[in-house]
PDB file of N, CA and C in Angstrom:
ATOM      1  N   MET A   1     -20.516 -28.275 -22.966  1.00  0.00           N
ATOM      2  CA  MET A   1     -20.381 -29.244 -21.912  1.00  0.00           C
ATOM      3  C   MET A   1     -21.790 -29.692 -21.506  1.00  0.00           C
ATOM      4  N   PRO A   2     -21.984 -30.955 -21.370  1.00  0.00           N
ATOM      5  CA  PRO A   2     -23.315 -31.466 -21.004  1.00  0.00           C
ATOM      6  C   PRO A   2     -23.705 -31.039 -19.584  1.00  0.00           C
ATOM      7  N   ASP A   3     -25.007 -30.845 -19.394  1.00  0.00           N
ATOM      8  CA  ASP A   3     -25.515 -30.440 -18.083  1.00  0.00           C
ATOM      9  C   ASP A   3     -25.234 -31.491 -17.011  1.00  0.00           C
ATOM     10  N   ARG A   4     -25.133 -32.749 -17.391  1.00  0.00           N
ATOM     11  CA  ARG A   4     -24.869 -33.822 -16.422  1.00  0.00           C
ATOM     12  C   ARG A   4     -23.491 -33.656 -15.781  1.00  0.00           C
ATOM     13  N   ILE A   5     -22.587 -33.007 -16.458  1.00  0.00           N
ATOM     14  CA  ILE A   5     -21.247 -32.769 -15.910  1.00  0.00           C
ATOM     15  C   ILE A   5     -21.173 -31.371 -15.293  1.00  0.00           C
ATOM     16  N   PHE A   6     -21.749 -30.399 -15.976  1.00  0.00           N
ATOM     17  CA  PHE A   6     -21.639 -29.002 -15.566  1.00  0.00           C
ATOM     18  C   PHE A   6     -22.301 -28.716 -14.222  1.00  0.00           C
ATOM     19  N   MET A   7     -23.510 -29.184 -14.032  1.00  0.00           N
ATOM     20  CA  MET A   7     -24.243 -28.878 -12.795  1.00  0.00           C
ATOM     21  C   MET A   7     -23.565 -29.477 -11.550  1.00  0.00           C
ATOM     22  N   PRO A   8     -23.156 -30.758 -11.556  1.00  0.00           N
ATOM     23  CA  PRO A   8     -22.432 -31.257 -10.378  1.00  0.00           C
ATOM     24  C   PRO A   8     -21.102 -30.534 -10.154  1.00  0.00           C
ATOM     25  N   LEU A   9     -20.455 -30.141 -11.258  1.00  0.00           N
ATOM     26  CA  LEU A   9     -19.202 -29.394 -11.134  1.00  0.00           C
ATOM     27  C   LEU A   9     -19.457 -28.034 -10.473  1.00  0.00           C
ATOM     28  N   CYS A  10     -20.527 -27.362 -10.865  1.00  0.00           N
ATOM     29  CA  CYS A  10     -20.891 -26.085 -10.241  1.00  0.00           C
ATOM     30  C   CYS A  10     -21.196 -26.275  -8.753  1.00  0.00           C
ATOM     31  N   ALA A  11     -21.901 -27.338  -8.421  1.00  0.00           N
ATOM     32  CA  ALA A  11     -22.220 -27.609  -7.017  1.00  0.00           C
ATOM     33  C   ALA A  11     -20.951 -27.871  -6.216  1.00  0.00           C
ATOM     34  N   LEU A  12     -20.017 -28.597  -6.801  1.00  0.00           N
ATOM     35  CA  LEU A  12     -18.750 -28.886  -6.127  1.00  0.00           C
ATOM     36  C   LEU A  12     -17.958 -27.598  -5.901  1.00  0.00           C
ATOM     37  N   VAL A  13     -17.912 -26.753  -6.896  1.00  0.00           N
ATOM     38  CA  VAL A  13     -17.212 -25.470  -6.752  1.00  0.00           C
ATOM     39  C   VAL A  13     -17.887 -24.620  -5.686  1.00  0.00           C
ATOM     40  N   ALA A  14     -19.208 -24.589  -5.670  1.00  0.00           N
ATOM     41  CA  ALA A  14     -19.932 -23.817  -4.656  1.00  0.00           C
ATOM     42  C   ALA A  14     -19.643 -24.341  -3.253  1.00  0.00           C
ATOM     43  N   LEU A  15     -19.630 -25.640  -3.077  1.00  0.00           N
ATOM     44  CA  LEU A  15     -19.322 -26.221  -1.762  1.00  0.00           C
ATOM     45  C   LEU A  15     -17.892 -25.909  -1.349  1.00  0.00           C
ATOM     46  N   ALA A  16     -16.974 -25.959  -2.303  1.00  0.00           N
ATOM     47  CA  ALA A  16     -15.582 -25.630  -1.991  1.00  0.00           C
ATOM     48  C   ALA A  16     -15.464 -24.168  -1.561  1.00  0.00           C
ATOM     49  N   MET A  17     -16.168 -23.285  -2.244  1.00  0.00           N
ATOM     50  CA  MET A  17     -16.129 -21.868  -1.879  1.00  0.00           C
ATOM     51  C   MET A  17     -16.720 -21.632  -0.493  1.00  0.00           C
ATOM     52  N   ILE A  18     -17.782 -22.331  -0.169  1.00  0.00           N
ATOM     53  CA  ILE A  18     -18.382 -22.203   1.169  1.00  0.00           C
ATOM     54  C   ILE A  18     -17.417 -22.720   2.228  1.00  0.00           C
ATOM     55  N   ALA A  19     -16.765 -23.848   1.946  1.00  0.00           N
ATOM     56  CA  ALA A  19     -15.808 -24.404   2.911  1.00  0.00           C
ATOM     57  C   ALA A  19     -14.636 -23.446   3.118  1.00  0.00           C
ATOM     58  N   PHE A  20     -14.111 -22.875   2.038  1.00  0.00           N
ATOM     59  CA  PHE A  20     -13.010 -21.921   2.175  1.00  0.00           C
ATOM     60  C   PHE A  20     -13.441 -20.666   2.931  1.00  0.00           C
ATOM     61  N   SER A  21     -14.660 -20.224   2.721  1.00  0.00           N
ATOM     62  CA  SER A  21     -15.118 -19.018   3.406  1.00  0.00           C
ATOM     63  C   SER A  21     -15.215 -19.225   4.915  1.00  0.00           C
ATOM     64  N   MET A  22     -15.379 -20.470   5.346  1.00  0.00           N
ATOM     65  CA  MET A  22     -15.474 -20.753   6.782  1.00  0.00           C
ATOM     66  C   MET A  22     -14.108 -20.741   7.469  1.00  0.00           C
ATOM     67  N   VAL A  23     -13.036 -20.945   6.724  1.00  0.00           N
ATOM     68  CA  VAL A  23     -11.716 -21.026   7.344  1.00  0.00           C
ATOM     69  C   VAL A  23     -10.776 -19.925   6.891  1.00  0.00           C
ATOM     70  N   TRP A  24     -11.167 -19.130   5.912  1.00  0.00           N
ATOM     71  CA  TRP A  24     -10.295 -18.075   5.392  1.00  0.00           C
ATOM     72  C   TRP A  24     -10.366 -16.868   6.315  1.00  0.00           C
ATOM     73  N   PRO A  25      -9.280 -16.106   6.448  1.00  0.00           N
ATOM     74  CA  PRO A  25      -9.332 -14.907   7.302  1.00  0.00           C
ATOM     75  C   PRO A  25     -10.457 -13.967   6.877  1.00  0.00           C
ATOM     76  N   GLN A  26     -11.063 -13.333   7.848  1.00  0.00           N
ATOM     77  CA  GLN A  26     -12.242 -12.518   7.588  1.00  0.00           C
ATOM     78  C   GLN A  26     -11.909 -11.061   7.320  1.00  0.00           C
ATOM     79  N   GLY A  27     -10.703 -10.757   7.006  1.00  0.00           N
ATOM     80  CA  GLY A  27     -10.306  -9.384   6.714  1.00  0.00           C
ATOM     81  C   GLY A  27      -8.811  -9.249   6.884  1.00  0.00           C
ATOM     82  N   TYR A  28      -8.294  -8.096   6.607  1.00  0.00           N
ATOM     83  CA  TYR A  28      -6.856  -7.872   6.692  1.00  0.00           C
ATOM     84  C   TYR A  28      -6.381  -8.030   8.131  1.00  0.00           C
ATOM     85  N   GLY A  29      -5.502  -8.976   8.341  1.00  0.00           N
ATOM     86  CA  GLY A  29      -4.924  -9.185   9.661  1.00  0.00           C
ATOM     87  C   GLY A  29      -5.786  -9.962  10.626  1.00  0.00           C
ATOM     88  N   GLU A  30      -6.924 -10.437  10.205  1.00  0.00           N
ATOM     89  CA  GLU A  30      -7.791 -11.195  11.107  1.00  0.00           C
ATOM     90  C   GLU A  30      -7.407 -12.668  11.088  1.00  0.00           C
ATOM     91  N   ARG A  31      -7.638 -13.334  12.192  1.00  0.00           N
ATOM     92  CA  ARG A  31      -7.297 -14.747  12.327  1.00  0.00           C
ATOM     93  C   ARG A  31      -8.457 -15.624  11.896  1.00  0.00           C
ATOM     94  N   SER A  32      -8.139 -16.734  11.283  1.00  0.00           N
ATOM     95  CA  SER A  32      -9.177 -17.695  10.906  1.00  0.00           C
ATOM     96  C   SER A  32      -9.775 -18.312  12.162  1.00  0.00           C
ATOM     97  N   PRO A  33     -11.043 -18.692  12.127  1.00  0.00           N
ATOM     98  CA  PRO A  33     -11.674 -19.282  13.303  1.00  0.00           C
ATOM     99  C   PRO A  33     -11.248 -20.728  13.521  1.00  0.00           C
ATOM    100  N   GLY A  34     -11.563 -21.207  14.692  1.00  0.00           N
ATOM    101  CA  GLY A  34     -11.370 -22.620  14.985  1.00  0.00           C
ATOM    102  C   GLY A  34      -9.914 -23.031  15.078  1.00  0.00           C
ATOM    103  N   PRO A  35      -9.627 -24.284  14.823  1.00  0.00           N
ATOM    104  CA  PRO A  35      -8.243 -24.738  14.962  1.00  0.00           C
ATOM    105  C   PRO A  35      -7.379 -24.322  13.776  1.00  0.00           C
ATOM    106  N   PHE A  36      -7.937 -23.585  12.834  1.00  0.00           N
ATOM    107  CA  PHE A  36      -7.194 -23.190  11.647  1.00  0.00           C
ATOM    108  C   PHE A  36      -6.461 -21.886  11.885  1.00  0.00           C
ATOM    109  N   GLY A  37      -5.464 -21.659  11.088  1.00  0.00           N
ATOM    110  CA  GLY A  37      -4.772 -20.380  11.104  1.00  0.00           C
ATOM    111  C   GLY A  37      -3.824 -20.225  12.272  1.00  0.00           C
ATOM    112  N   SER A  38      -3.157 -19.102  12.272  1.00  0.00           N
ATOM    113  CA  SER A  38      -2.256 -18.740  13.350  1.00  0.00           C
ATOM    114  C   SER A  38      -2.352 -17.237  13.533  1.00  0.00           C
ATOM    115  N   THR A  39      -1.708 -16.734  14.568  1.00  0.00           N
ATOM    116  CA  THR A  39      -1.760 -15.300  14.822  1.00  0.00           C
ATOM    117  C   THR A  39      -1.044 -14.583  13.694  1.00  0.00           C
ATOM    118  N   PRO A  40      -1.727 -13.646  13.032  1.00  0.00           N
ATOM    119  CA  PRO A  40      -1.087 -12.910  11.944  1.00  0.00           C
ATOM    120  C   PRO A  40       0.104 -12.103  12.447  1.00  0.00           C
ATOM    121  N   ILE A  41       1.069 -11.931  11.583  1.00  0.00           N
ATOM    122  CA  ILE A  41       2.274 -11.215  11.984  1.00  0.00           C
ATOM    123  C   ILE A  41       1.964  -9.781  12.377  1.00  0.00           C
ATOM    124  N   GLN A  42       0.907  -9.188  11.806  1.00  0.00           N
ATOM    125  CA  GLN A  42       0.559  -7.814  12.138  1.00  0.00           C
ATOM    126  C   GLN A  42       0.050  -7.681  13.568  1.00  0.00           C
ATOM    127  N   GLN A  43      -0.348  -8.788  14.191  1.00  0.00           N
ATOM    128  CA  GLN A  43      -0.899  -8.718  15.537  1.00  0.00           C
ATOM    129  C   GLN A  43       0.104  -9.108  16.616  1.00  0.00           C
ATOM    130  N   THR A  44       1.340  -9.414  16.243  1.00  0.00           N
ATOM    131  CA  THR A  44       2.346  -9.725  17.249  1.00  0.00           C
ATOM    132  C   THR A  44       2.786  -8.428  17.916  1.00  0.00           C
ATOM    133  N   PRO A  45       3.175  -8.481  19.188  1.00  0.00           N
ATOM    134  CA  PRO A  45       3.574  -7.252  19.889  1.00  0.00           C
ATOM    135  C   PRO A  45       4.744  -6.534  19.212  1.00  0.00           C
ATOM    136  N   GLU A  46       5.709  -7.300  18.681  1.00  0.00           N
ATOM    137  CA  GLU A  46       6.862  -6.676  18.035  1.00  0.00           C
ATOM    138  C   GLU A  46       6.427  -5.892  16.802  1.00  0.00           C
ATOM    139  N   MET A  47       5.549  -6.490  16.005  1.00  0.00           N
ATOM    140  CA  MET A  47       5.112  -5.830  14.779  1.00  0.00           C
ATOM    141  C   MET A  47       4.219  -4.634  15.102  1.00  0.00           C
ATOM    142  N   LYS A  48       3.372  -4.752  16.126  1.00  0.00           N
ATOM    143  CA  LYS A  48       2.541  -3.616  16.515  1.00  0.00           C
ATOM    144  C   LYS A  48       3.408  -2.432  16.939  1.00  0.00           C
ATOM    145  N   ALA A  49       4.487  -2.725  17.688  1.00  0.00           N
ATOM    146  CA  ALA A  49       5.397  -1.657  18.112  1.00  0.00           C
ATOM    147  C   ALA A  49       6.090  -1.033  16.901  1.00  0.00           C
ATOM    148  N   LEU A  50       6.502  -1.846  15.956  1.00  0.00           N
ATOM    149  CA  LEU A  50       7.166  -1.333  14.756  1.00  0.00           C
ATOM    150  C   LEU A  50       6.208  -0.484  13.922  1.00  0.00           C
ATOM    151  N   ILE A  51       4.974  -0.922  13.771  1.00  0.00           N
ATOM    152  CA  ILE A  51       3.981  -0.166  13.008  1.00  0.00           C
ATOM    153  C   ILE A  51       3.722   1.183  13.678  1.00  0.00           C
ATOM    154  N   GLU A  52       3.583   1.178  14.992  1.00  0.00           N
ATOM    155  CA  GLU A  52       3.353   2.436  15.713  1.00  0.00           C
ATOM    156  C   GLU A  52       4.555   3.369  15.580  1.00  0.00           C
ATOM    157  N   LYS A  53       5.762   2.810  15.622  1.00  0.00           N
ATOM    158  CA  LYS A  53       6.977   3.608  15.455  1.00  0.00           C
ATOM    159  C   LYS A  53       7.009   4.252  14.069  1.00  0.00           C
ATOM    160  N   GLU A  54       6.642   3.486  13.045  1.00  0.00           N
ATOM    161  CA  GLU A  54       6.615   4.021  11.681  1.00  0.00           C
ATOM    162  C   GLU A  54       5.557   5.113  11.534  1.00  0.00           C
ATOM    163  N   LYS A  55       4.391   4.917  12.165  1.00  0.00           N
ATOM    164  CA  LYS A  55       3.342   5.934  12.103  1.00  0.00           C
ATOM    165  C   LYS A  55       3.798   7.233  12.762  1.00  0.00           C
ATOM    166  N   THR A  56       4.458   7.109  13.906  1.00  0.00           N
ATOM    167  CA  THR A  56       4.948   8.281  14.622  1.00  0.00           C
ATOM    168  C   THR A  56       5.996   9.012  13.792  1.00  0.00           C
ATOM    169  N   ALA A  57       6.916   8.267  13.184  1.00  0.00           N
ATOM    170  CA  ALA A  57       7.951   8.876  12.350  1.00  0.00           C
ATOM    171  C   ALA A  57       7.335   9.580  11.143  1.00  0.00           C
ATOM    172  N   ALA A  58       6.328   8.977  10.542  1.00  0.00           N
ATOM    173  CA  ALA A  58       5.665   9.596   9.399  1.00  0.00           C
ATOM    174  C   ALA A  58       4.950  10.874   9.818  1.00  0.00           C
ATOM    175  N   ARG A  59       4.308  10.851  10.985  1.00  0.00           N
ATOM    176  CA  ARG A  59       3.630  12.039  11.492  1.00  0.00           C
ATOM    177  C   ARG A  59       4.618  13.178  11.732  1.00  0.00           C
ATOM    178  N   ARG A  60       5.768  12.844  12.369  1.00  0.00           N
ATOM    179  CA  ARG A  60       6.782  13.860  12.630  1.00  0.00           C
ATOM    180  C   ARG A  60       7.340  14.429  11.330  1.00  0.00           C
ATOM    181  N   SER A  61       7.566  13.558  10.370  1.00  0.00           N
ATOM    182  CA  SER A  61       8.098  13.990   9.084  1.00  0.00           C
ATOM    183  C   SER A  61       7.113  14.931   8.383  1.00  0.00           C
ATOM    184  N   GLU A  62       5.848  14.595   8.419  1.00  0.00           N
ATOM    185  CA  GLU A  62       4.822  15.440   7.787  1.00  0.00           C
ATOM    186  C   GLU A  62       4.741  16.797   8.482  1.00  0.00           C
ATOM    187  N   GLN A  63       4.821  16.806   9.804  1.00  0.00           N
ATOM    188  CA  GLN A  63       4.793  18.065  10.533  1.00  0.00           C
ATOM    189  C   GLN A  63       6.012  18.924  10.207  1.00  0.00           C
ATOM    190  N   ARG A  64       7.173  18.264  10.107  1.00  0.00           N
ATOM    191  CA  ARG A  64       8.400  18.988   9.778  1.00  0.00           C
ATOM    192  C   ARG A  64       8.310  19.594   8.373  1.00  0.00           C
ATOM    193  N   ARG A  65       7.776  18.816   7.420  1.00  0.00           N
ATOM    194  CA  ARG A  65       7.623  19.332   6.055  1.00  0.00           C
ATOM    195  C   ARG A  65       6.664  20.513   6.020  1.00  0.00           C
ATOM    196  N   ALA A  66       5.585  20.430   6.781  1.00  0.00           N
ATOM    197  CA  ALA A  66       4.623  21.529   6.823  1.00  0.00           C
ATOM    198  C   ALA A  66       5.263  22.782   7.422  1.00  0.00           C
ATOM    199  N   GLN A  67       6.059  22.605   8.477  1.00  0.00           N
ATOM    200  CA  GLN A  67       6.732  23.743   9.095  1.00  0.00           C
ATOM    201  C   GLN A  67       7.753  24.362   8.137  1.00  0.00           C
ATOM    202  N   GLU A  68       8.499  23.520   7.417  1.00  0.00           N
ATOM    203  CA  GLU A  68       9.474  24.019   6.453  1.00  0.00           C
ATOM    204  C   GLU A  68       8.786  24.771   5.321  1.00  0.00           C
ATOM    205  N   ALA A  69       7.647  24.244   4.866  1.00  0.00           N
ATOM    206  CA  ALA A  69       6.902  24.916   3.800  1.00  0.00           C
ATOM    207  C   ALA A  69       6.379  26.264   4.288  1.00  0.00           C
ATOM    208  N   ALA A  70       5.896  26.308   5.520  1.00  0.00           N
ATOM    209  CA  ALA A  70       5.394  27.560   6.075  1.00  0.00           C
ATOM    210  C   ALA A  70       6.527  28.558   6.246  1.00  0.00           C
ATOM    211  N   ALA A  71       7.691  28.080   6.690  1.00  0.00           N
ATOM    212  CA  ALA A  71       8.842  28.971   6.862  1.00  0.00           C
ATOM    213  C   ALA A  71       9.323  29.492   5.520  1.00  0.00           C
ATOM    214  N   ALA A  72       9.333  28.632   4.513  1.00  0.00           N
ATOM    215  CA  ALA A  72       9.748  29.060   3.175  1.00  0.00           C
ATOM    216  C   ALA A  72       8.765  30.069   2.597  1.00  0.00           C
ATOM    217  N   ALA A  73       7.476  29.852   2.827  1.00  0.00           N
ATOM    218  CA  ALA A  73       6.457  30.784   2.342  1.00  0.00           C
ATOM    219  C   ALA A  73       6.581  32.124   3.041  1.00  0.00           C
ATOM    220  N   ALA A  74       6.856  32.091   4.345  1.00  0.00           N
ATOM    221  CA  ALA A  74       6.998  33.330   5.101  1.00  0.00           C
ATOM    222  C   ALA A  74       8.260  34.083   4.657  1.00  0.00           C
ATOM    223  N   ALA A  75       9.320  33.348   4.361  1.00  0.00           N
ATOM    224  CA  ALA A  75      10.568  33.970   3.922  1.00  0.00           C
ATOM    225  C   ALA A  75      10.425  34.597   2.545  1.00  0.00           C
ATOM    226  N   SER A  76       9.629  33.982   1.692  1.00  0.00           N
ATOM    227  CA  SER A  76       9.456  34.510   0.328  1.00  0.00           C
ATOM    228  C   SER A  76       8.374  35.591   0.288  1.00  0.00           C
ATOM    229  N   GLY A  77       7.623  35.734   1.354  1.00  0.00           N
ATOM    230  CA  GLY A  77       6.581  36.740   1.416  1.00  0.00           C
ATOM    231  C   GLY A  77       5.310  36.324   0.722  1.00  0.00           C
ATOM    232  N   ASP A  78       5.102  35.054   0.525  1.00  0.00           N
ATOM    233  CA  ASP A  78       3.891  34.544  -0.122  1.00  0.00           C
ATOM    234  C   ASP A  78       2.743  34.572   0.896  1.00  0.00           C
ATOM    235  N   PRO A  79       1.692  35.367   0.669  1.00  0.00           N
ATOM    236  CA  PRO A  79       0.611  35.449   1.665  1.00  0.00           C
ATOM    237  C   PRO A  79      -0.370  34.300   1.618  1.00  0.00           C
ATOM    238  N   SER A  80      -0.225  33.366   0.678  1.00  0.00           N
ATOM    239  CA  SER A  80      -1.213  32.284   0.563  1.00  0.00           C
ATOM    240  C   SER A  80      -1.100  31.260   1.681  1.00  0.00           C
ATOM    241  N   GLN A  81       0.003  31.273   2.399  1.00  0.00           N
ATOM    242  CA  GLN A  81       0.143  30.279   3.466  1.00  0.00           C
ATOM    243  C   GLN A  81       0.243  30.913   4.792  1.00  0.00           C
TER     244      GLN A  81
END
């Protein structure tokens, strides 16, 4: 490809990437700046409550599994736990 076409094409791609970087979300769940974007679903109160509920359930489940494993180890007489 001739340089007369390639170099302006590279400049156009670079400008497009810079423009997208100014309006694209800046991380997981972050909102784009300015008049662009909307509130991400992860930041709505309903979704935050659901995420916290899932975290709590996972924590309880992990604790229950650990207790069951400890009880099973104690019942079998395994001293490693």
